[in-house]
All heavy atoms as atom14 arrays in JSON, in Angstrom:
{
  "sequence": "LAKSPRRREIVITLGLFGAAFLYADGMITPAIS",
  "atom14_mask": [
    [1, 1, 1, 1, 1, 1, 1, 1, 0, 0, 0, 0, 0, 0],
    [1, 1, 1, 1, 1, 0, 0, 0, 0, 0, 0, 0, 0, 0],
    [1, 1, 1, 1, 1, 1, 1, 1, 1, 0, 0, 0, 0, 0],
    [1, 1, 1, 1, 1, 1, 0, 0, 0, 0, 0, 0, 0, 0],
    [1, 1, 1, 1, 1, 1, 1, 0, 0, 0, 0, 0, 0, 0],
    [1, 1, 1, 1, 1, 1, 1, 1, 1, 1, 1, 0, 0, 0],
    [1, 1, 1, 1, 1, 1, 1, 1, 1, 1, 1, 0, 0, 0],
    [1, 1, 1, 1, 1, 1, 1, 1, 1, 1, 1, 0, 0, 0],
    [1, 1, 1, 1, 1, 1, 1, 1, 1, 0, 0, 0, 0, 0],
    [1, 1, 1, 1, 1, 1, 1, 1, 0, 0, 0, 0, 0, 0],
    [1, 1, 1, 1, 1, 1, 1, 0, 0, 0, 0, 0, 0, 0],
    [1, 1, 1, 1, 1, 1, 1, 1, 0, 0, 0, 0, 0, 0],
    [1, 1, 1, 1, 1, 1, 1, 0, 0, 0, 0, 0, 0, 0],
    [1, 1, 1, 1, 1, 1, 1, 1, 0, 0, 0, 0, 0, 0],
    [1, 1, 1, 1, 0, 0, 0, 0, 0, 0, 0, 0, 0, 0],
    [1, 1, 1, 1, 1, 1, 1, 1, 0, 0, 0, 0, 0, 0],
    [1, 1, 1, 1, 1, 1, 1, 1, 1, 1, 1, 0, 0, 0],
    [1, 1, 1, 1, 0, 0, 0, 0, 0, 0, 0, 0, 0, 0],
    [1, 1, 1, 1, 1, 0, 0, 0, 0, 0, 0, 0, 0, 0],
    [1, 1, 1, 1, 1, 0, 0, 0, 0, 0, 0, 0, 0, 0],
    [1, 1, 1, 1, 1, 1, 1, 1, 1, 1, 1, 0, 0, 0],
    [1, 1, 1, 1, 1, 1, 1, 1, 0, 0, 0, 0, 0, 0],
    [1, 1, 1, 1, 1, 1, 1, 1, 1, 1, 1, 1, 0, 0],
    [1, 1, 1, 1, 1, 0, 0, 0, 0, 0, 0, 0, 0, 0],
    [1, 1, 1, 1, 1, 1, 1, 1, 0, 0, 0, 0, 0, 0],
    [1, 1, 1, 1, 0, 0, 0, 0, 0, 0, 0, 0, 0, 0],
    [1, 1, 1, 1, 1, 1, 1, 1, 0, 0, 0, 0, 0, 0],
    [1, 1, 1, 1, 1, 1, 1, 1, 0, 0, 0, 0, 0, 0],
    [1, 1, 1, 1, 1, 1, 1, 0, 0, 0, 0, 0, 0, 0],
    [1, 1, 1, 1, 1, 1, 1, 0, 0, 0, 0, 0, 0, 0],
    [1, 1, 1, 1, 1, 0, 0, 0, 0, 0, 0, 0, 0, 0],
    [1, 1, 1, 1, 1, 1, 1, 1, 0, 0, 0, 0, 0, 0],
    [1, 1, 1, 1, 1, 1, 0, 0, 0, 0, 0, 0, 0, 0]
  ],
  "atom14_positions": [
    [[-3.39, 392.04, 209.59], [-2.58, 393.05, 210.27], [-3.05, 394.46, 209.97], [-2.63, 395.41, 210.63], [-1.11, 392.91, 209.85], [-0.44, 391.55, 210.14], [0.98, 391.54, 209.61], [-0.46, 391.24, 211.63], [0.0, 0.0, 0.0], [0.0, 0.0, 0.0], [0.0, 0.0, 0.0], [0.0, 0.0, 0.0], [0.0, 0.0, 0.0], [0.0, 0.0, 0.0]],
    [[-3.9, 394.6, 208.92], [-4.38, 395.93, 208.56], [-5.19, 396.53, 209.7], [-6.05, 395.86, 210.29], [-5.22, 395.85, 207.29], [0.0, 0.0, 0.0], [0.0, 0.0, 0.0], [0.0, 0.0, 0.0], [0.0, 0.0, 0.0], [0.0, 0.0, 0.0], [0.0, 0.0, 0.0], [0.0, 0.0, 0.0], [0.0, 0.0, 0.0], [0.0, 0.0, 0.0]],
    [[-4.94, 397.78, 210.01], [-5.56, 398.41, 211.17], [-6.96, 398.96, 210.9], [-7.65, 399.36, 211.82], [-4.66, 399.52, 211.69], [-3.32, 399.01, 212.23], [-2.47, 400.15, 212.77], [-1.15, 399.61, 213.33], [-0.29, 400.7, 213.86], [0.0, 0.0, 0.0], [0.0, 0.0, 0.0], [0.0, 0.0, 0.0], [0.0, 0.0, 0.0], [0.0, 0.0, 0.0]],
    [[-7.36, 399.0, 209.66], [-8.69, 399.51, 209.34], [-9.28, 398.69, 208.21], [-8.53, 398.11, 207.4], [-8.62, 400.99, 208.92], [-7.97, 401.11, 207.67], [0.0, 0.0, 0.0], [0.0, 0.0, 0.0], [0.0, 0.0, 0.0], [0.0, 0.0, 0.0], [0.0, 0.0, 0.0], [0.0, 0.0, 0.0], [0.0, 0.0, 0.0], [0.0, 0.0, 0.0]],
    [[-10.62, 398.61, 208.12], [-11.25, 397.87, 207.02], [-10.82, 398.38, 205.65], [-10.68, 397.6, 204.7], [-12.74, 398.09, 207.27], [-12.85, 398.39, 208.73], [-11.6, 399.12, 209.09], [0.0, 0.0, 0.0], [0.0, 0.0, 0.0], [0.0, 0.0, 0.0], [0.0, 0.0, 0.0], [0.0, 0.0, 0.0], [0.0, 0.0, 0.0], [0.0, 0.0, 0.0]],
    [[-10.61, 399.69, 205.53], [-10.21, 400.26, 204.23], [-8.83, 399.75, 203.82], [-8.61, 399.38, 202.66], [-10.22, 401.78, 204.32], [-9.92, 402.48, 203.0], [-10.15, 403.99, 203.12], [-9.81, 404.69, 201.89], [-8.6, 405.14, 201.6], [-7.62, 404.98, 202.47], [-8.37, 405.76, 200.46], [0.0, 0.0, 0.0], [0.0, 0.0, 0.0], [0.0, 0.0, 0.0]],
    [[-7.88, 399.72, 204.77], [-6.54, 399.22, 204.44], [-6.59, 397.73, 204.11], [-5.89, 397.27, 203.2], [-5.59, 399.48, 205.6], [-5.23, 400.95, 205.8], [-4.2, 401.11, 206.91], [-3.86, 402.5, 207.15], [-3.02, 402.91, 208.08], [-2.43, 402.02, 208.89], [-2.76, 404.2, 208.23], [0.0, 0.0, 0.0], [0.0, 0.0, 0.0], [0.0, 0.0, 0.0]],
    [[-7.4, 397.01, 204.86], [-7.54, 395.58, 204.6], [-8.08, 395.36, 203.19], [-7.63, 394.47, 202.47], [-8.45, 394.95, 205.64], [-8.71, 393.46, 205.43], [-9.69, 392.94, 206.48], [-10.1, 391.57, 206.21], [-9.46, 390.5, 206.64], [-8.39, 390.65, 207.4], [-9.9, 389.3, 206.33], [0.0, 0.0, 0.0], [0.0, 0.0, 0.0], [0.0, 0.0, 0.0]],
    [[-9.03, 396.18, 202.79], [-9.63, 396.04, 201.47], [-8.61, 396.34, 200.38], [-8.58, 395.68, 199.33], [-10.84, 396.98, 201.34], [-11.81, 396.61, 200.24], [-12.42, 395.23, 200.42], [-12.62, 394.8, 201.57], [-12.68, 394.58, 199.39], [0.0, 0.0, 0.0], [0.0, 0.0, 0.0], [0.0, 0.0, 0.0], [0.0, 0.0, 0.0], [0.0, 0.0, 0.0]],
    [[-7.75, 397.34, 200.61], [-6.71, 397.67, 199.64], [-5.74, 396.5, 199.49], [-5.35, 396.13, 198.37], [-5.97, 398.95, 200.07], [-6.9, 400.17, 199.95], [-4.72, 399.16, 199.21], [-6.31, 401.45, 200.51], [0.0, 0.0, 0.0], [0.0, 0.0, 0.0], [0.0, 0.0, 0.0], [0.0, 0.0, 0.0], [0.0, 0.0, 0.0], [0.0, 0.0, 0.0]],
    [[-5.34, 395.92, 200.62], [-4.42, 394.78, 200.59], [-5.02, 393.62, 199.82], [-4.38, 393.02, 198.94], [-4.04, 394.35, 202.03], [-3.37, 392.98, 202.02], [-3.13, 395.38, 202.67], [0.0, 0.0, 0.0], [0.0, 0.0, 0.0], [0.0, 0.0, 0.0], [0.0, 0.0, 0.0], [0.0, 0.0, 0.0], [0.0, 0.0, 0.0], [0.0, 0.0, 0.0]],
    [[-6.26, 393.29, 200.12], [-6.92, 392.16, 199.45], [-7.1, 392.44, 197.97], [-6.91, 391.55, 197.12], [-8.26, 391.85, 200.14], [-8.01, 391.29, 201.54], [-9.08, 390.86, 199.31], [-9.26, 391.05, 202.36], [0.0, 0.0, 0.0], [0.0, 0.0, 0.0], [0.0, 0.0, 0.0], [0.0, 0.0, 0.0], [0.0, 0.0, 0.0], [0.0, 0.0, 0.0]],
    [[-7.45, 393.67, 197.62], [-7.63, 394.01, 196.21], [-6.32, 393.86, 195.45], [-6.3, 393.29, 194.34], [-8.15, 395.46, 196.07], [-9.41, 395.57, 196.73], [-8.31, 395.84, 194.6], [0.0, 0.0, 0.0], [0.0, 0.0, 0.0], [0.0, 0.0, 0.0], [0.0, 0.0, 0.0], [0.0, 0.0, 0.0], [0.0, 0.0, 0.0], [0.0, 0.0, 0.0]],
    [[-5.21, 394.34, 196.02], [-3.91, 394.16, 195.38], [-3.57, 392.69, 195.22], [-3.07, 392.26, 194.17], [-2.82, 394.86, 196.2], [-2.63, 396.36, 196.0], [-1.63, 396.9, 197.0], [-2.17, 396.66, 194.58], [0.0, 0.0, 0.0], [0.0, 0.0, 0.0], [0.0, 0.0, 0.0], [0.0, 0.0, 0.0], [0.0, 0.0, 0.0], [0.0, 0.0, 0.0]],
    [[-3.83, 391.91, 196.26], [-3.55, 390.48, 196.2], [-4.37, 389.77, 195.15], [-3.87, 388.91, 194.4], [0.0, 0.0, 0.0], [0.0, 0.0, 0.0], [0.0, 0.0, 0.0], [0.0, 0.0, 0.0], [0.0, 0.0, 0.0], [0.0, 0.0, 0.0], [0.0, 0.0, 0.0], [0.0, 0.0, 0.0], [0.0, 0.0, 0.0], [0.0, 0.0, 0.0]],
    [[-5.65, 390.1, 195.05], [-6.52, 389.47, 194.06], [-6.11, 389.85, 192.65], [-6.12, 389.0, 191.74], [-7.98, 389.85, 194.31], [-8.64, 389.25, 195.55], [-10.12, 389.63, 195.59], [-8.5, 387.74, 195.57], [0.0, 0.0, 0.0], [0.0, 0.0, 0.0], [0.0, 0.0, 0.0], [0.0, 0.0, 0.0], [0.0, 0.0, 0.0], [0.0, 0.0, 0.0]],
    [[-5.76, 391.12, 192.44], [-5.3, 391.54, 191.12], [-4.01, 390.79, 190.75], [-3.85, 390.31, 189.62], [-5.06, 393.04, 191.08], [-6.23, 393.82, 190.54], [-6.87, 394.77, 191.32], [-6.71, 393.59, 189.25], [-7.95, 395.48, 190.83], [-7.8, 394.3, 188.76], [-8.42, 395.25, 189.55], [0.0, 0.0, 0.0], [0.0, 0.0, 0.0], [0.0, 0.0, 0.0]],
    [[-3.08, 390.7, 191.71], [-1.84, 389.98, 191.44], [-2.08, 388.53, 191.09], [-1.48, 387.99, 190.14], [0.0, 0.0, 0.0], [0.0, 0.0, 0.0], [0.0, 0.0, 0.0], [0.0, 0.0, 0.0], [0.0, 0.0, 0.0], [0.0, 0.0, 0.0], [0.0, 0.0, 0.0], [0.0, 0.0, 0.0], [0.0, 0.0, 0.0], [0.0, 0.0, 0.0]],
    [[-2.98, 387.86, 191.83], [-3.31, 386.47, 191.54], [-3.96, 386.34, 190.17], [-3.68, 385.4, 189.41], [-4.22, 385.91, 192.63], [0.0, 0.0, 0.0], [0.0, 0.0, 0.0], [0.0, 0.0, 0.0], [0.0, 0.0, 0.0], [0.0, 0.0, 0.0], [0.0, 0.0, 0.0], [0.0, 0.0, 0.0], [0.0, 0.0, 0.0], [0.0, 0.0, 0.0]],
    [[-4.86, 387.26, 189.82], [-5.53, 387.22, 188.53], [-4.53, 387.34, 187.39], [-4.63, 386.64, 186.37], [-6.57, 388.34, 188.44], [0.0, 0.0, 0.0], [0.0, 0.0, 0.0], [0.0, 0.0, 0.0], [0.0, 0.0, 0.0], [0.0, 0.0, 0.0], [0.0, 0.0, 0.0], [0.0, 0.0, 0.0], [0.0, 0.0, 0.0], [0.0, 0.0, 0.0]],
    [[-3.52, 388.2, 187.55], [-2.51, 388.34, 186.5], [-1.62, 387.11, 186.42], [-1.1, 386.79, 185.34], [-1.68, 389.61, 186.74], [-2.41, 390.87, 186.37], [-2.68, 391.84, 187.31], [-2.84, 391.08, 185.07], [-3.36, 393.0, 186.97], [-3.52, 392.24, 184.71], [-3.78, 393.2, 185.67], [0.0, 0.0, 0.0], [0.0, 0.0, 0.0], [0.0, 0.0, 0.0]],
    [[-1.42, 386.41, 187.54], [-0.66, 385.16, 187.48], [-1.38, 384.12, 186.63], [-0.76, 383.35, 185.9], [-0.42, 384.62, 188.89], [0.71, 385.27, 189.7], [0.78, 384.66, 191.09], [2.04, 385.1, 188.99], [0.0, 0.0, 0.0], [0.0, 0.0, 0.0], [0.0, 0.0, 0.0], [0.0, 0.0, 0.0], [0.0, 0.0, 0.0], [0.0, 0.0, 0.0]],
    [[-2.71, 384.06, 186.75], [-3.47, 383.14, 185.89], [-3.27, 383.5, 184.42], [-3.1, 382.62, 183.57], [-4.96, 383.22, 186.23], [-5.37, 382.43, 187.44], [-5.79, 383.06, 188.6], [-5.36, 381.03, 187.42], [-6.18, 382.34, 189.71], [-5.75, 380.31, 188.54], [-6.17, 380.97, 189.68], [-6.55, 380.24, 190.78], [0.0, 0.0, 0.0], [0.0, 0.0, 0.0]],
    [[-3.33, 384.79, 184.1], [-3.15, 385.22, 182.72], [-1.76, 384.83, 182.22], [-1.6, 384.37, 181.08], [-3.36, 386.73, 182.62], [0.0, 0.0, 0.0], [0.0, 0.0, 0.0], [0.0, 0.0, 0.0], [0.0, 0.0, 0.0], [0.0, 0.0, 0.0], [0.0, 0.0, 0.0], [0.0, 0.0, 0.0], [0.0, 0.0, 0.0], [0.0, 0.0, 0.0]],
    [[-0.76, 384.99, 183.08], [0.6, 384.58, 182.72], [0.65, 383.07, 182.48], [1.34, 382.61, 181.57], [1.56, 384.97, 183.84], [2.97, 384.45, 183.6], [3.62, 384.9, 182.66], [3.41, 383.56, 184.37], [0.0, 0.0, 0.0], [0.0, 0.0, 0.0], [0.0, 0.0, 0.0], [0.0, 0.0, 0.0], [0.0, 0.0, 0.0], [0.0, 0.0, 0.0]],
    [[-0.11, 382.32, 183.28], [-0.14, 380.86, 183.12], [-0.73, 380.42, 181.8], [-0.48, 379.29, 181.36], [0.0, 0.0, 0.0], [0.0, 0.0, 0.0], [0.0, 0.0, 0.0], [0.0, 0.0, 0.0], [0.0, 0.0, 0.0], [0.0, 0.0, 0.0], [0.0, 0.0, 0.0], [0.0, 0.0, 0.0], [0.0, 0.0, 0.0], [0.0, 0.0, 0.0]],
    [[-1.5, 381.27, 181.16], [-2.05, 380.94, 179.84], [-1.02, 381.16, 178.74], [-0.98, 380.42, 177.75], [-3.29, 381.79, 179.56], [-4.44, 381.54, 180.52], [-5.78, 382.72, 180.26], [-6.91, 382.25, 181.6], [0.0, 0.0, 0.0], [0.0, 0.0, 0.0], [0.0, 0.0, 0.0], [0.0, 0.0, 0.0], [0.0, 0.0, 0.0], [0.0, 0.0, 0.0]],
    [[-0.18, 382.18, 178.9], [0.76, 382.55, 177.84], [2.04, 381.72, 177.9], [2.61, 381.35, 176.86], [1.09, 384.05, 177.92], [-0.19, 384.87, 177.75], [2.08, 384.45, 176.85], [0.02, 386.36, 177.88], [0.0, 0.0, 0.0], [0.0, 0.0, 0.0], [0.0, 0.0, 0.0], [0.0, 0.0, 0.0], [0.0, 0.0, 0.0], [0.0, 0.0, 0.0]],
    [[2.53, 381.43, 179.11], [3.82, 380.75, 179.25], [3.89, 379.43, 178.5], [4.87, 379.2, 177.76], [4.15, 380.54, 180.74], [4.3, 381.81, 181.37], [5.44, 379.74, 180.91], [0.0, 0.0, 0.0], [0.0, 0.0, 0.0], [0.0, 0.0, 0.0], [0.0, 0.0, 0.0], [0.0, 0.0, 0.0], [0.0, 0.0, 0.0], [0.0, 0.0, 0.0]],
    [[2.91, 378.51, 178.63], [3.02, 377.26, 177.84], [3.04, 377.53, 176.34], [3.78, 376.86, 175.6], [1.76, 376.48, 178.27], [1.38, 377.04, 179.59], [1.73, 378.49, 179.52], [0.0, 0.0, 0.0], [0.0, 0.0, 0.0], [0.0, 0.0, 0.0], [0.0, 0.0, 0.0], [0.0, 0.0, 0.0], [0.0, 0.0, 0.0], [0.0, 0.0, 0.0]],
    [[2.24, 378.49, 175.89], [2.17, 378.76, 174.46], [3.5, 379.28, 173.92], [4.04, 378.76, 172.92], [1.05, 379.77, 174.17], [0.0, 0.0, 0.0], [0.0, 0.0, 0.0], [0.0, 0.0, 0.0], [0.0, 0.0, 0.0], [0.0, 0.0, 0.0], [0.0, 0.0, 0.0], [0.0, 0.0, 0.0], [0.0, 0.0, 0.0], [0.0, 0.0, 0.0]],
    [[4.08, 380.29, 174.57], [5.31, 380.89, 174.04], [6.51, 379.96, 174.24], [7.41, 379.9, 173.38], [5.56, 382.27, 174.69], [6.63, 383.03, 173.92], [5.92, 382.15, 176.16], [6.8, 384.47, 174.36], [0.0, 0.0, 0.0], [0.0, 0.0, 0.0], [0.0, 0.0, 0.0], [0.0, 0.0, 0.0], [0.0, 0.0, 0.0], [0.0, 0.0, 0.0]],
    [[6.55, 379.2, 175.33], [7.68, 378.31, 175.59], [7.74, 377.18, 174.57], [8.78, 376.91, 173.96], [7.61, 377.75, 177.01], [7.66, 378.77, 177.96], [0.0, 0.0, 0.0], [0.0, 0.0, 0.0], [0.0, 0.0, 0.0], [0.0, 0.0, 0.0], [0.0, 0.0, 0.0], [0.0, 0.0, 0.0], [0.0, 0.0, 0.0], [0.0, 0.0, 0.0]]
  ]
}
């Protein structure tokens, strides 16, 4: 839906960062729980 390549890149970058942090959370949750 992004109207320009730059906006699309920003959206994808945010999504990739969010997914990467979910993996990091997945490492800590079993340990602390």
